[in-house]
Amino acid sequence: MRPLDAMPAETAASIHTVMADIDDTLTTDGSLPAKAYSALERLKAAGFHVAAITGRPAGWCDMIARFWPVDGVVGENGALYYAYDRTARKMNRVFATSDTVRRHNQTRYEKIAERILKEVPGSAVSADQSFREADLAIDFCEDVAPLRQQDVERIKAIFEDEGAVAKVSSIHVNGWYGAYDKLTMTRRFTSDVLGVDLETEKDRIVFCGDSPNDAPMFGYFPNACGVANVLDFKGRIEAEPGWIASERGGAGFAELADVLIAAKKTSDRRISA
């Protein structure tokens, strides 16, 4: 992980798409600071494609896609994307699995949740579970007292013992049935909505994140950036970002936006000169 302020100007100027996790990347201590939201607005105004890539539920994604200055949202760790067509006034909702499969899996998640709550005291089903379409989120520090690392690992292990995929975020352990993750749905979203081929354009896309469930994105995008709190998970992430901001949470994302916008303005002035 290299300091963000060491990113070459030509690299920063080549970026055309910025994607970001939400919790502890755009947010700070559970809230969305004005400077992070403003950074999203400034990126859009400067001509960047902007998207949120999150583990948060479908219900939240619908609101974010509709009201935030973004081109769309990949939610529930890749189970879906929502993109609002402002001209047609239509929300486009795309899922990785069918309605039938998602309904069937809900009964499986109920059994897993019962087992986790019994075997890991202090854990809880996430408060946003009722807004989810395709996964089970177990809270280990958002609305409960923070659990020990071994308890978090135990939750993950129970999911896997039940045959589910499990990923750890900064606040939840998310589990699901299905061969998808943040990266697979991001590939579909960029093609469908942005008209961008991820494979040929990945050098010109920045993903910003903070935790282990961002590893597929960190590993894929050469110019992925972590906010400073990604260091809290150092040694526990399968792939680390190429760059790291000096600030934590929303301030770190705003720092990234400043670097990219400044580089684009300088490049645009040179082209027009």
Protein backbone atom coordinates (compact mmCIF):
# COMPACT_ATOMS: atom_id res chain seq x y z
CA MET A 1 0.00 0.00 0.00
CA ARG A 2 1.55 3.25 -1.18
CA PRO A 3 0.54 6.69 0.14
CA LEU A 4 -2.19 8.27 -1.96
CA ASP A 5 -0.22 11.50 -2.28
CA ALA A 6 2.45 9.52 -4.16
CA MET A 7 0.04 8.56 -6.96
CA PRO A 8 1.53 9.86 -10.24
CA ALA A 9 -0.38 12.76 -11.76
CA GLU A 10 -0.82 10.90 -15.04
CA THR A 11 -2.33 7.93 -13.22
CA ALA A 12 -4.78 10.13 -11.31
CA ALA A 13 -5.68 12.02 -14.48
CA SER A 14 -6.51 8.79 -16.32
CA ILE A 15 -9.27 7.76 -13.86
CA HIS A 16 -12.83 8.07 -15.16
CA THR A 17 -14.82 5.99 -12.62
CA VAL A 18 -14.84 6.08 -8.83
CA MET A 19 -16.50 3.36 -6.76
CA ALA A 20 -16.70 3.27 -2.99
CA ASP A 21 -17.83 1.08 -0.15
CA ILE A 22 -20.15 2.86 2.28
CA ASP A 23 -19.61 1.81 5.91
CA ASP A 24 -16.38 3.24 7.32
CA THR A 25 -15.33 4.34 3.82
CA LEU A 26 -17.89 7.04 3.08
CA THR A 27 -19.09 7.08 6.67
CA THR A 28 -17.19 7.96 9.83
CA ASP A 29 -18.26 6.52 13.19
CA GLY A 30 -21.58 5.43 11.70
CA SER A 31 -22.54 8.75 10.10
CA LEU A 32 -22.16 10.20 6.61
CA PRO A 33 -20.12 13.42 6.97
CA ALA A 34 -20.85 16.39 4.76
CA LYS A 35 -17.38 16.29 3.23
CA ALA A 36 -17.89 12.69 2.01
CA TYR A 37 -21.27 13.44 0.43
CA SER A 38 -19.86 16.63 -1.05
CA ALA A 39 -17.00 14.57 -2.52
CA LEU A 40 -19.56 12.39 -4.34
CA GLU A 41 -21.26 15.50 -5.70
CA ARG A 42 -17.97 17.06 -6.78
CA LEU A 43 -16.87 13.88 -8.55
CA LYS A 44 -20.15 13.71 -10.49
CA ALA A 45 -19.95 17.40 -11.37
CA ALA A 46 -16.38 16.90 -12.61
CA GLY A 47 -17.58 14.21 -15.03
CA PHE A 48 -16.65 10.99 -13.23
CA HIS A 49 -18.84 7.90 -13.15
CA VAL A 50 -19.65 7.32 -9.47
CA ALA A 51 -21.07 4.20 -7.78
CA ALA A 52 -21.52 2.82 -4.28
CA ILE A 53 -20.46 -0.81 -3.73
CA THR A 54 -21.76 -2.04 -0.40
CA GLY A 55 -22.90 -4.86 1.83
CA ARG A 56 -25.93 -2.84 2.86
CA PRO A 57 -29.45 -4.09 2.02
CA ALA A 58 -31.63 -3.74 -1.05
CA GLY A 59 -33.95 -1.29 0.70
CA TRP A 60 -31.09 1.09 1.38
CA CYS A 61 -29.79 0.66 -2.17
CA ASP A 62 -33.13 1.76 -3.62
CA MET A 63 -32.96 5.02 -1.66
CA ILE A 64 -29.27 5.61 -2.40
CA ALA A 65 -29.63 4.99 -6.13
CA ARG A 66 -32.60 7.35 -6.24
CA PHE A 67 -31.34 10.23 -4.07
CA TRP A 68 -27.53 10.20 -3.96
CA PRO A 69 -25.31 11.66 -6.71
CA VAL A 70 -24.35 8.22 -8.03
CA ASP A 71 -24.89 6.24 -11.24
CA GLY A 72 -26.01 3.21 -9.23
CA VAL A 73 -25.41 0.93 -6.29
CA VAL A 74 -24.13 -2.64 -6.03
CA GLY A 75 -25.61 -4.01 -2.81
CA GLU A 76 -25.63 -6.96 -0.45
CA ASN A 77 -22.03 -7.81 -1.40
CA GLY A 78 -22.90 -8.36 -5.05
CA ALA A 79 -26.39 -9.88 -4.82
CA LEU A 80 -27.87 -6.99 -6.80
CA TYR A 81 -27.46 -3.63 -8.41
CA TYR A 82 -29.95 -0.77 -8.53
CA ALA A 83 -29.65 2.10 -10.99
CA TYR A 84 -32.19 4.89 -11.34
CA ASP A 85 -32.94 6.17 -14.84
CA ARG A 86 -33.82 9.81 -14.14
CA THR A 87 -35.06 10.44 -17.67
CA ALA A 88 -37.46 7.47 -17.70
CA ARG A 89 -38.15 7.80 -13.95
CA LYS A 90 -37.53 4.10 -13.55
CA MET A 91 -35.50 2.09 -11.05
CA ASN A 92 -33.63 -0.74 -12.74
CA ARG A 93 -33.16 -3.65 -10.33
CA VAL A 94 -30.93 -6.56 -11.30
CA PHE A 95 -30.28 -9.62 -9.11
CA ALA A 96 -27.66 -12.37 -9.19
CA THR A 97 -30.24 -15.05 -8.33
CA SER A 98 -33.92 -15.61 -9.08
CA ASP A 99 -36.86 -14.62 -6.88
CA THR A 100 -37.51 -18.32 -6.21
CA VAL A 101 -33.95 -18.97 -5.06
CA ARG A 102 -33.93 -15.91 -2.82
CA ARG A 103 -37.21 -16.91 -1.16
CA HIS A 104 -35.94 -20.44 -0.57
CA ASN A 105 -32.72 -19.18 0.97
CA GLN A 106 -34.56 -17.04 3.51
CA THR A 107 -35.65 -20.16 5.40
CA ARG A 108 -32.06 -21.40 5.42
CA TYR A 109 -30.87 -18.08 6.85
CA GLU A 110 -33.37 -18.31 9.69
CA LYS A 111 -31.78 -21.58 10.80
CA ILE A 112 -28.26 -20.18 10.51
CA ALA A 113 -29.21 -17.10 12.50
CA GLU A 114 -30.66 -19.26 15.27
CA ARG A 115 -27.43 -21.25 15.46
CA ILE A 116 -25.16 -18.17 15.48
CA LEU A 117 -27.13 -16.37 18.19
CA LYS A 118 -26.98 -19.52 20.34
CA GLU A 119 -23.28 -20.23 19.81
CA VAL A 120 -21.94 -16.66 19.82
CA PRO A 121 -23.39 -14.71 22.76
CA GLY A 122 -23.57 -10.98 22.16
CA SER A 123 -24.10 -11.28 18.42
CA ALA A 124 -27.34 -10.13 16.82
CA VAL A 125 -29.14 -10.21 13.51
CA SER A 126 -28.47 -6.85 11.88
CA ALA A 127 -31.09 -4.16 12.37
CA ASP A 128 -31.28 -3.76 8.58
CA GLN A 129 -32.08 -7.44 7.93
CA SER A 130 -35.74 -6.79 7.12
CA PHE A 131 -34.64 -4.69 4.14
CA ARG A 132 -32.49 -7.48 2.66
CA GLU A 133 -33.28 -9.62 -0.37
CA ALA A 134 -30.49 -12.17 -0.58
CA ASP A 135 -28.28 -12.52 2.50
CA LEU A 136 -28.07 -12.71 6.27
CA ALA A 137 -26.16 -10.02 8.15
CA ILE A 138 -24.92 -10.65 11.68
CA ASP A 139 -24.01 -7.58 13.71
CA PHE A 140 -20.81 -7.73 15.73
CA CYS A 141 -20.27 -4.05 16.56
CA GLU A 142 -22.81 -1.70 14.96
CA ASP A 143 -25.72 -1.90 17.42
CA VAL A 144 -24.14 -4.38 19.85
CA ALA A 145 -21.10 -4.17 22.09
CA PRO A 146 -18.02 -5.02 19.97
CA LEU A 147 -17.27 -8.73 19.93
CA ARG A 148 -13.80 -10.25 20.20
CA GLN A 149 -12.01 -11.12 16.98
CA GLN A 150 -12.33 -14.83 17.76
CA ASP A 151 -16.11 -14.39 18.04
CA VAL A 152 -16.23 -12.70 14.63
CA GLU A 153 -14.23 -15.57 13.17
CA ARG A 154 -16.60 -18.04 14.83
CA ILE A 155 -19.59 -16.38 13.15
CA LYS A 156 -17.85 -16.63 9.79
CA ALA A 157 -16.99 -20.28 10.44
CA ILE A 158 -20.63 -21.15 11.25
CA PHE A 159 -21.77 -19.65 7.96
CA GLU A 160 -19.17 -21.70 6.12
CA ASP A 161 -20.05 -24.85 8.06
CA GLU A 162 -23.61 -24.37 6.80
CA GLY A 163 -22.32 -24.21 3.22
CA ALA A 164 -22.69 -20.44 2.80
CA VAL A 165 -20.23 -17.85 1.56
CA ALA A 166 -19.22 -15.49 4.38
CA LYS A 167 -17.47 -12.12 4.31
CA VAL A 168 -16.46 -9.83 7.16
CA SER A 169 -17.08 -6.10 6.90
CA SER A 170 -16.22 -3.46 9.48
CA ILE A 171 -19.56 -3.99 11.26
CA HIS A 172 -21.21 -7.23 10.05
CA VAL A 173 -20.50 -10.75 8.96
CA ASN A 174 -22.57 -11.31 5.82
CA GLY A 175 -23.44 -14.78 4.61
CA TRP A 176 -25.21 -15.96 1.48
CA TYR A 177 -25.75 -18.82 -0.94
CA GLY A 178 -24.60 -18.02 -4.45
CA ALA A 179 -21.48 -17.73 -6.61
CA TYR A 180 -21.15 -13.96 -6.57
CA ASP A 181 -19.35 -11.17 -4.74
CA LYS A 182 -18.89 -7.42 -5.05
CA LEU A 183 -16.66 -7.79 -8.09
CA THR A 184 -18.93 -10.08 -10.15
CA MET A 185 -21.91 -7.74 -9.87
CA THR A 186 -19.74 -4.67 -10.37
CA ARG A 187 -18.65 -6.15 -13.69
CA ARG A 188 -22.28 -6.54 -14.72
CA PHE A 189 -23.23 -3.07 -13.48
CA THR A 190 -20.42 -1.28 -15.32
CA SER A 191 -21.29 -3.04 -18.57
CA ASP A 192 -25.08 -2.56 -18.33
CA VAL A 193 -25.22 0.94 -16.88
CA LEU A 194 -21.94 2.69 -17.62
CA GLY A 195 -21.11 0.99 -20.90
CA VAL A 196 -17.64 0.24 -19.52
CA ASP A 197 -15.77 -3.04 -20.00
CA LEU A 198 -14.18 -3.73 -16.64
CA GLU A 199 -11.33 -5.85 -17.95
CA THR A 200 -10.03 -3.32 -20.46
CA GLU A 201 -10.69 -0.28 -18.25
CA LYS A 202 -9.73 -1.51 -14.77
CA ASP A 203 -6.57 0.64 -14.69
CA ARG A 204 -8.79 3.71 -15.09
CA ILE A 205 -11.19 2.82 -12.28
CA VAL A 206 -10.62 3.47 -8.58
CA PHE A 207 -12.42 1.46 -5.93
CA CYS A 208 -12.17 2.83 -2.39
CA GLY A 209 -12.80 0.58 0.61
CA ASP A 210 -11.82 -0.30 4.14
CA SER A 211 -12.35 -3.94 5.15
CA PRO A 212 -11.91 -7.66 4.31
CA ASN A 213 -15.09 -7.93 2.23
CA ASP A 214 -13.51 -5.42 -0.17
CA ALA A 215 -10.67 -7.83 -0.99
CA PRO A 216 -12.06 -8.94 -4.39
CA MET A 217 -12.15 -5.29 -5.46
CA PHE A 218 -8.74 -4.46 -3.98
CA GLY A 219 -7.20 -7.41 -5.76
CA TYR A 220 -8.76 -6.64 -9.14
CA PHE A 221 -8.24 -2.90 -9.52
CA PRO A 222 -4.56 -1.85 -9.70
CA ASN A 223 -5.44 1.65 -8.45
CA ALA A 224 -7.78 0.61 -5.65
CA CYS A 225 -7.48 2.87 -2.62
CA GLY A 226 -8.03 2.18 1.04
CA VAL A 227 -9.04 4.79 3.57
CA ALA A 228 -6.61 4.84 6.50
CA ASN A 229 -8.70 2.54 8.68
CA VAL A 230 -8.02 -0.34 6.30
CA LEU A 231 -4.83 -0.66 8.33
CA ASP A 232 -6.99 -1.95 11.21
CA PHE A 233 -7.27 -5.17 9.17
CA LYS A 234 -3.67 -5.39 8.01
CA GLY A 235 -2.67 -9.04 7.69
CA ARG A 236 -6.32 -10.16 7.66
CA ILE A 237 -7.27 -9.08 4.12
CA GLU A 238 -6.76 -11.47 1.23
CA ALA A 239 -5.79 -8.58 -1.07
CA GLU A 240 -4.72 -5.07 -0.10
CA PRO A 241 -5.32 -1.83 -2.06
CA GLY A 242 -2.54 -0.31 -4.12
CA TRP A 243 -2.97 3.11 -2.51
CA ILE A 244 -3.94 4.34 0.94
CA ALA A 245 -5.31 7.69 2.09
CA SER A 246 -3.88 9.40 5.14
CA GLU A 247 -7.32 9.99 6.67
CA ARG A 248 -9.93 7.58 7.98
CA GLY A 249 -13.49 7.05 6.77
CA GLY A 250 -15.27 9.84 4.95
CA ALA A 251 -12.31 12.20 5.26
CA GLY A 252 -10.14 9.62 3.49
CA PHE A 253 -12.65 9.34 0.64
CA ALA A 254 -12.75 13.15 0.34
CA GLU A 255 -8.97 13.09 0.18
CA LEU A 256 -9.15 10.68 -2.77
CA ALA A 257 -11.74 12.85 -4.52
CA ASP A 258 -9.52 15.92 -4.11
CA VAL A 259 -6.57 14.12 -5.74
CA LEU A 260 -8.60 12.86 -8.71
CA ILE A 261 -10.49 16.09 -9.36
CA ALA A 262 -7.33 18.19 -9.19
CA ALA A 263 -5.53 15.86 -11.62
CA LYS A 264 -8.46 15.93 -14.04
CA LYS A 265 -8.63 19.74 -13.99
CA THR A 266 -4.91 20.03 -14.66
CA SER A 267 -5.13 17.52 -17.51
CA ASP A 268 -8.18 19.25 -19.02
CA ARG A 269 -6.39 22.63 -18.94
CA ARG A 270 -3.40 21.16 -20.76
CA ILE A 271 -5.62 19.63 -23.44
CA SER A 272 -7.50 22.88 -24.01
CA ALA A 273 -4.34 25.03 -24.03
